[in-house]
Amino acid sequence: MKNPNITLLNTEILSDNWYTLNKVTYSVLKKDGTTETQSREAYDRGNGAVILLYNTDSNTVILTRQFRLPTYINGNSTGMLIEACAGLLDNDNPEDCIKRETEEETGYKISKVEKIFEAYMSPGSVTEILYFFIAEYSNEMKINNGGGLEEEGENIEVLELSFEKSLKMIDTGEIKDAKTIMLLQHLRIKGIL
C-alpha cells in the first residue's frame, strides 16, 4: 500500500558505476496540511541474504573474514571484517541465494535453512532489505574450502569459532558487523546454543 502523504516527483541517477545512487525528489503532506518538497539520495544495491551456520554438538559457528573497503576508509586499520556469510540475491529468491553463497563462501553445502526475519539495515540511505537465515552444519557438509569466487574478486577466510568466543568478540570489538551481531544475539536469545 502506497503512502498517500508522499508523492515522488523526480528520480535522477547520480551514479551507476557499481550499484545505483539516485537523487529522489518528493513532496510530503505534513500533519498541518501543508506540502513540503524534499530531496534525498538513496543507494540501491539490490536485496541480500545472510546466514549463520551453527553446530549444537560442538557449540560452534561459522563466520568469514574479508577486506571491506568502507570500514577501512572509516577507521578500521586493517579493513578486515568478521561477518556471517552473505550475498546479494542476484535475481534468486532469498533461500536459493543463501544456499549458493554458503557453498561459495564457506564450502558447506546445506539443504535446510530457517528464515528468522528480514530487516532494512541502513534505511536512511540504502534501499536493501536483508533476509536473515540460520542453519545447522556438520563436518559431513563440507564439500570444499570456500573462500568465495575468484571472478568476483573474493578472498574470504572461513572461521569456525566457539559460540562463547564469538560473543566475547562482540564485546572486544573484534566483531563489529551489525548483521553478524544480530544473528549471534538471535542464537543467544532463543537459546539455540
C-alpha atoms as a PDB file:
ATOM      1  CA  MET A   1       0.000   0.000   0.000  1.00  0.00           C
ATOM      2  CA  LYS A   2       1.428   3.340  -1.037  1.00  0.00           C
ATOM      3  CA  ASN A   3       1.673   6.191   1.438  1.00  0.00           C
ATOM      4  CA  PRO A   4      -0.926   8.811   0.370  1.00  0.00           C
ATOM      5  CA  ASN A   5       1.138  11.581   2.008  1.00  0.00           C
ATOM      6  CA  ILE A   6       4.178  11.029  -0.239  1.00  0.00           C
ATOM      7  CA  THR A   7       4.399  11.894  -3.938  1.00  0.00           C
ATOM      8  CA  LEU A   8       7.565  11.002  -5.851  1.00  0.00           C
ATOM      9  CA  LEU A   9       8.371  13.886  -8.193  1.00  0.00           C
ATOM     10  CA  ASN A  10      11.696  13.032  -9.797  1.00  0.00           C
ATOM     11  CA  THR A  11      14.460  10.425  -9.710  1.00  0.00           C
ATOM     12  CA  GLU A  12      17.893  11.349 -11.034  1.00  0.00           C
ATOM     13  CA  ILE A  13      20.691   8.798 -11.367  1.00  0.00           C
ATOM     14  CA  LEU A  14      23.853  10.258  -9.816  1.00  0.00           C
ATOM     15  CA  SER A  15      25.986   7.150 -10.314  1.00  0.00           C
ATOM     16  CA  ASP A  16      25.543   3.644 -11.660  1.00  0.00           C
ATOM     17  CA  ASN A  17      29.180   2.607 -11.586  1.00  0.00           C
ATOM     18  CA  TRP A  18      28.909  -0.267  -9.095  1.00  0.00           C
ATOM     19  CA  TYR A  19      25.297  -0.056  -7.961  1.00  0.00           C
ATOM     20  CA  THR A  20      22.845   2.827  -8.388  1.00  0.00           C
ATOM     21  CA  LEU A  21      22.893   6.080  -6.454  1.00  0.00           C
ATOM     22  CA  ASN A  22      19.679   8.035  -7.029  1.00  0.00           C
ATOM     23  CA  LYS A  23      18.661  11.532  -6.018  1.00  0.00           C
ATOM     24  CA  VAL A  24      14.931  11.357  -5.325  1.00  0.00           C
ATOM     25  CA  THR A  25      12.776  14.479  -5.057  1.00  0.00           C
ATOM     26  CA  TYR A  26       9.389  14.039  -3.426  1.00  0.00           C
ATOM     27  CA  SER A  27       6.634  16.005  -1.714  1.00  0.00           C
ATOM     28  CA  VAL A  28       5.398  15.306   1.790  1.00  0.00           C
ATOM     29  CA  LEU A  29       1.934  16.211   3.055  1.00  0.00           C
ATOM     30  CA  LYS A  30       2.623  17.306   6.634  1.00  0.00           C
ATOM     31  CA  LYS A  31       0.311  16.962   9.638  1.00  0.00           C
ATOM     32  CA  ASP A  32      -0.636  20.653   9.439  1.00  0.00           C
ATOM     33  CA  GLY A  33      -1.895  20.171   5.853  1.00  0.00           C
ATOM     34  CA  THR A  34       0.988  21.916   4.112  1.00  0.00           C
ATOM     35  CA  THR A  35       3.159  20.269   1.487  1.00  0.00           C
ATOM     36  CA  GLU A  36       6.950  20.304   1.582  1.00  0.00           C
ATOM     37  CA  THR A  37       9.338  19.249  -1.196  1.00  0.00           C
ATOM     38  CA  GLN A  38      12.411  17.287  -0.099  1.00  0.00           C
ATOM     39  CA  SER A  39      15.360  15.579  -1.827  1.00  0.00           C
ATOM     40  CA  ARG A  40      17.316  12.599  -0.573  1.00  0.00           C
ATOM     41  CA  GLU A  41      19.946  10.291  -2.014  1.00  0.00           C
ATOM     42  CA  ALA A  42      19.244   6.560  -1.942  1.00  0.00           C
ATOM     43  CA  TYR A  43      21.764   3.849  -2.778  1.00  0.00           C
ATOM     44  CA  ASP A  44      20.201   0.827  -4.497  1.00  0.00           C
ATOM     45  CA  ARG A  45      22.409  -2.247  -4.377  1.00  0.00           C
ATOM     46  CA  GLY A  46      19.609  -4.802  -4.512  1.00  0.00           C
ATOM     47  CA  ASN A  47      18.432  -7.023  -1.695  1.00  0.00           C
ATOM     48  CA  GLY A  48      20.538  -9.614   0.065  1.00  0.00           C
ATOM     49  CA  ALA A  49      20.564 -12.612   2.373  1.00  0.00           C
ATOM     50  CA  VAL A  50      22.737 -13.578   5.335  1.00  0.00           C
ATOM     51  CA  ILE A  51      23.140 -16.813   7.281  1.00  0.00           C
ATOM     52  CA  LEU A  52      24.720 -18.002  10.483  1.00  0.00           C
ATOM     53  CA  LEU A  53      25.764 -21.649  10.450  1.00  0.00           C
ATOM     54  CA  TYR A  54      25.827 -23.286  13.870  1.00  0.00           C
ATOM     55  CA  ASN A  55      26.646 -26.718  15.289  1.00  0.00           C
ATOM     56  CA  THR A  56      24.901 -27.749  18.514  1.00  0.00           C
ATOM     57  CA  ASP A  57      27.220 -30.718  19.138  1.00  0.00           C
ATOM     58  CA  SER A  58      30.436 -28.666  19.092  1.00  0.00           C
ATOM     59  CA  ASN A  59      28.788 -25.367  20.151  1.00  0.00           C
ATOM     60  CA  THR A  60      30.441 -23.573  17.227  1.00  0.00           C
ATOM     61  CA  VAL A  61      29.522 -21.135  14.475  1.00  0.00           C
ATOM     62  CA  ILE A  62      30.952 -20.488  11.010  1.00  0.00           C
ATOM     63  CA  LEU A  63      31.938 -16.919  10.201  1.00  0.00           C
ATOM     64  CA  THR A  64      34.052 -15.327   7.487  1.00  0.00           C
ATOM     65  CA  ARG A  65      36.767 -12.668   7.393  1.00  0.00           C
ATOM     66  CA  GLN A  66      37.382 -10.426   4.406  1.00  0.00           C
ATOM     67  CA  PHE A  67      38.549  -6.950   3.432  1.00  0.00           C
ATOM     68  CA  ARG A  68      35.784  -4.317   3.423  1.00  0.00           C
ATOM     69  CA  LEU A  69      36.873  -1.008   1.892  1.00  0.00           C
ATOM     70  CA  PRO A  70      34.202   1.191   3.541  1.00  0.00           C
ATOM     71  CA  THR A  71      35.349   0.048   7.003  1.00  0.00           C
ATOM     72  CA  TYR A  72      38.978   0.738   6.064  1.00  0.00           C
ATOM     73  CA  ILE A  73      38.099   4.269   4.970  1.00  0.00           C
ATOM     74  CA  ASN A  74      36.198   4.770   8.237  1.00  0.00           C
ATOM     75  CA  GLY A  75      38.843   3.802  10.782  1.00  0.00           C
ATOM     76  CA  ASN A  76      39.237   0.005  10.585  1.00  0.00           C
ATOM     77  CA  SER A  77      43.041  -0.083  10.416  1.00  0.00           C
ATOM     78  CA  THR A  78      43.219  -3.393   8.525  1.00  0.00           C
ATOM     79  CA  GLY A  79      39.906  -3.210   6.694  1.00  0.00           C
ATOM     80  CA  MET A  80      39.300  -6.839   7.650  1.00  0.00           C
ATOM     81  CA  LEU A  81      35.825  -7.619   8.956  1.00  0.00           C
ATOM     82  CA  ILE A  82      34.468 -10.764  10.587  1.00  0.00           C
ATOM     83  CA  GLU A  83      30.991 -11.473   9.262  1.00  0.00           C
ATOM     84  CA  ALA A  84      28.310 -14.062   8.766  1.00  0.00           C
ATOM     85  CA  CYS A  85      28.138 -15.423   5.221  1.00  0.00           C
ATOM     86  CA  ALA A  86      26.060 -13.108   2.996  1.00  0.00           C
ATOM     87  CA  GLY A  87      25.405 -12.092  -0.574  1.00  0.00           C
ATOM     88  CA  LEU A  88      23.136 -10.259  -2.964  1.00  0.00           C
ATOM     89  CA  LEU A  89      20.082 -12.061  -4.306  1.00  0.00           C
ATOM     90  CA  ASP A  90      21.131 -11.670  -7.975  1.00  0.00           C
ATOM     91  CA  ASN A  91      17.568 -12.467  -9.188  1.00  0.00           C
ATOM     92  CA  ASP A  92      17.343 -15.551  -6.927  1.00  0.00           C
ATOM     93  CA  ASN A  93      14.858 -15.964  -4.127  1.00  0.00           C
ATOM     94  CA  PRO A  94      16.460 -15.422  -0.701  1.00  0.00           C
ATOM     95  CA  GLU A  95      16.652 -19.133   0.211  1.00  0.00           C
ATOM     96  CA  ASP A  96      18.349 -20.180  -3.049  1.00  0.00           C
ATOM     97  CA  CYS A  97      20.703 -17.212  -2.773  1.00  0.00           C
ATOM     98  CA  ILE A  98      21.869 -18.044   0.723  1.00  0.00           C
ATOM     99  CA  LYS A  99      22.413 -21.716  -0.088  1.00  0.00           C
ATOM    100  CA  ARG A 100      24.576 -20.681  -3.076  1.00  0.00           C
ATOM    101  CA  GLU A 101      26.511 -18.105  -1.060  1.00  0.00           C
ATOM    102  CA  THR A 102      27.078 -20.565   1.784  1.00  0.00           C
ATOM    103  CA  GLU A 103      28.700 -23.052  -0.560  1.00  0.00           C
ATOM    104  CA  GLU A 104      30.791 -20.398  -2.355  1.00  0.00           C
ATOM    105  CA  GLU A 105      31.995 -18.587   0.757  1.00  0.00           C
ATOM    106  CA  THR A 106      32.221 -21.298   3.439  1.00  0.00           C
ATOM    107  CA  GLY A 107      32.438 -24.560   1.485  1.00  0.00           C
ATOM    108  CA  TYR A 108      29.429 -26.061   3.291  1.00  0.00           C
ATOM    109  CA  LYS A 109      26.557 -27.483   1.242  1.00  0.00           C
ATOM    110  CA  ILE A 110      23.382 -27.002   3.217  1.00  0.00           C
ATOM    111  CA  SER A 111      19.906 -28.099   2.252  1.00  0.00           C
ATOM    112  CA  LYS A 112      17.745 -26.904   5.150  1.00  0.00           C
ATOM    113  CA  VAL A 113      17.710 -23.248   6.184  1.00  0.00           C
ATOM    114  CA  GLU A 114      15.410 -21.365   8.543  1.00  0.00           C
ATOM    115  CA  LYS A 115      14.400 -17.792   7.752  1.00  0.00           C
ATOM    116  CA  ILE A 116      14.203 -15.894  11.035  1.00  0.00           C
ATOM    117  CA  PHE A 117      13.396 -12.332   9.931  1.00  0.00           C
ATOM    118  CA  GLU A 118      14.113  -9.602   7.396  1.00  0.00           C
ATOM    119  CA  ALA A 119      15.326  -6.065   8.035  1.00  0.00           C
ATOM    120  CA  TYR A 120      16.359  -2.803   6.415  1.00  0.00           C
ATOM    121  CA  MET A 121      19.971  -2.389   7.504  1.00  0.00           C
ATOM    122  CA  SER A 122      20.521   1.311   6.819  1.00  0.00           C
ATOM    123  CA  PRO A 123      17.099   2.743   5.921  1.00  0.00           C
ATOM    124  CA  GLY A 124      18.214   6.361   5.910  1.00  0.00           C
ATOM    125  CA  SER A 125      20.263   5.890   2.746  1.00  0.00           C
ATOM    126  CA  VAL A 126      20.231   2.300   1.433  1.00  0.00           C
ATOM    127  CA  THR A 127      17.209   0.541  -0.133  1.00  0.00           C
ATOM    128  CA  GLU A 128      18.386  -3.009   0.677  1.00  0.00           C
ATOM    129  CA  ILE A 129      16.245  -5.497   2.572  1.00  0.00           C
ATOM    130  CA  LEU A 130      18.352  -8.239   4.134  1.00  0.00           C
ATOM    131  CA  TYR A 131      16.831 -11.712   4.679  1.00  0.00           C
ATOM    132  CA  PHE A 132      18.257 -13.424   7.779  1.00  0.00           C
ATOM    133  CA  PHE A 133      18.706 -17.206   7.994  1.00  0.00           C
ATOM    134  CA  ILE A 134      20.210 -19.763  10.343  1.00  0.00           C
ATOM    135  CA  ALA A 135      21.130 -23.377   9.618  1.00  0.00           C
ATOM    136  CA  GLU A 136      22.799 -26.261  11.364  1.00  0.00           C
ATOM    137  CA  TYR A 137      26.020 -27.566   9.863  1.00  0.00           C
ATOM    138  CA  SER A 138      28.182 -30.615  10.346  1.00  0.00           C
ATOM    139  CA  ASN A 139      31.634 -31.618   9.111  1.00  0.00           C
ATOM    140  CA  GLU A 140      29.993 -34.002   6.626  1.00  0.00           C
ATOM    141  CA  MET A 141      28.502 -30.994   4.805  1.00  0.00           C
ATOM    142  CA  LYS A 142      31.944 -29.543   3.999  1.00  0.00           C
ATOM    143  CA  ILE A 143      32.463 -30.079   0.250  1.00  0.00           C
ATOM    144  CA  ASN A 144      35.233 -27.540  -0.493  1.00  0.00           C
ATOM    145  CA  ASN A 145      37.404 -24.904   1.183  1.00  0.00           C
ATOM    146  CA  GLY A 146      35.065 -21.993   0.432  1.00  0.00           C
ATOM    147  CA  GLY A 147      36.741 -18.616   0.127  1.00  0.00           C
ATOM    148  CA  GLY A 148      34.384 -17.063  -2.416  1.00  0.00           C
ATOM    149  CA  LEU A 149      34.577 -16.740  -6.173  1.00  0.00           C
ATOM    150  CA  GLU A 150      37.820 -15.601  -7.738  1.00  0.00           C
ATOM    151  CA  GLU A 151      35.956 -13.987 -10.660  1.00  0.00           C
ATOM    152  CA  GLU A 152      34.119 -11.774  -8.150  1.00  0.00           C
ATOM    153  CA  GLY A 153      37.414 -10.736  -6.529  1.00  0.00           C
ATOM    154  CA  GLU A 154      36.535 -12.508  -3.300  1.00  0.00           C
ATOM    155  CA  ASN A 155      39.287 -13.570  -0.919  1.00  0.00           C
ATOM    156  CA  ILE A 156      37.392 -14.918   2.080  1.00  0.00           C
ATOM    157  CA  GLU A 157      38.813 -16.688   5.116  1.00  0.00           C
ATOM    158  CA  VAL A 158      36.467 -19.218   6.765  1.00  0.00           C
ATOM    159  CA  LEU A 159      36.427 -19.211  10.573  1.00  0.00           C
ATOM    160  CA  GLU A 160      34.995 -21.856  12.886  1.00  0.00           C
ATOM    161  CA  LEU A 161      34.636 -20.314  16.340  1.00  0.00           C
ATOM    162  CA  SER A 162      33.117 -21.385  19.610  1.00  0.00           C
ATOM    163  CA  PHE A 163      29.818 -19.640  20.215  1.00  0.00           C
ATOM    164  CA  GLU A 164      31.087 -18.179  23.504  1.00  0.00           C
ATOM    165  CA  LYS A 165      34.224 -16.802  21.829  1.00  0.00           C
ATOM    166  CA  SER A 166      32.139 -15.165  19.090  1.00  0.00           C
ATOM    167  CA  LEU A 167      30.001 -13.433  21.731  1.00  0.00           C
ATOM    168  CA  LYS A 168      33.127 -12.197  23.529  1.00  0.00           C
ATOM    169  CA  MET A 169      34.429 -10.887  20.193  1.00  0.00           C
ATOM    170  CA  ILE A 170      31.404  -8.579  20.066  1.00  0.00           C
ATOM    171  CA  ASP A 171      32.379  -7.204  23.492  1.00  0.00           C
ATOM    172  CA  THR A 172      36.026  -6.713  22.469  1.00  0.00           C
ATOM    173  CA  GLY A 173      35.123  -5.060  19.175  1.00  0.00           C
ATOM    174  CA  GLU A 174      36.598  -7.843  17.055  1.00  0.00           C
ATOM    175  CA  ILE A 175      33.123  -8.395  15.591  1.00  0.00           C
ATOM    176  CA  LYS A 176      31.585  -5.071  14.508  1.00  0.00           C
ATOM    177  CA  ASP A 177      29.295  -6.187  11.699  1.00  0.00           C
ATOM    178  CA  ALA A 178      25.646  -5.458  12.520  1.00  0.00           C
ATOM    179  CA  LYS A 179      24.109  -8.416  10.681  1.00  0.00           C
ATOM    180  CA  THR A 180      26.512 -10.814  12.373  1.00  0.00           C
ATOM    181  CA  ILE A 181      25.817  -9.357  15.814  1.00  0.00           C
ATOM    182  CA  MET A 182      22.067  -9.661  15.174  1.00  0.00           C
ATOM    183  CA  LEU A 183      22.402 -13.328  14.211  1.00  0.00           C
ATOM    184  CA  LEU A 184      24.657 -14.217  17.153  1.00  0.00           C
ATOM    185  CA  GLN A 185      22.277 -12.463  19.542  1.00  0.00           C
ATOM    186  CA  HIS A 186      19.350 -14.334  17.961  1.00  0.00           C
ATOM    187  CA  LEU A 187      21.012 -17.670  18.773  1.00  0.00           C
ATOM    188  CA  ARG A 188      21.632 -16.446  22.309  1.00  0.00           C
ATOM    189  CA  ILE A 189      18.109 -15.085  22.893  1.00  0.00           C
ATOM    190  CA  LYS A 190      16.442 -18.205  21.502  1.00  0.00           C
ATOM    191  CA  GLY A 191      18.740 -20.492  23.483  1.00  0.00           C
ATOM    192  CA  ILE A 192      19.835 -22.395  20.368  1.00  0.00           C
ATOM    193  CA  LEU A 193      23.476 -22.505  21.504  1.00  0.00           C
END
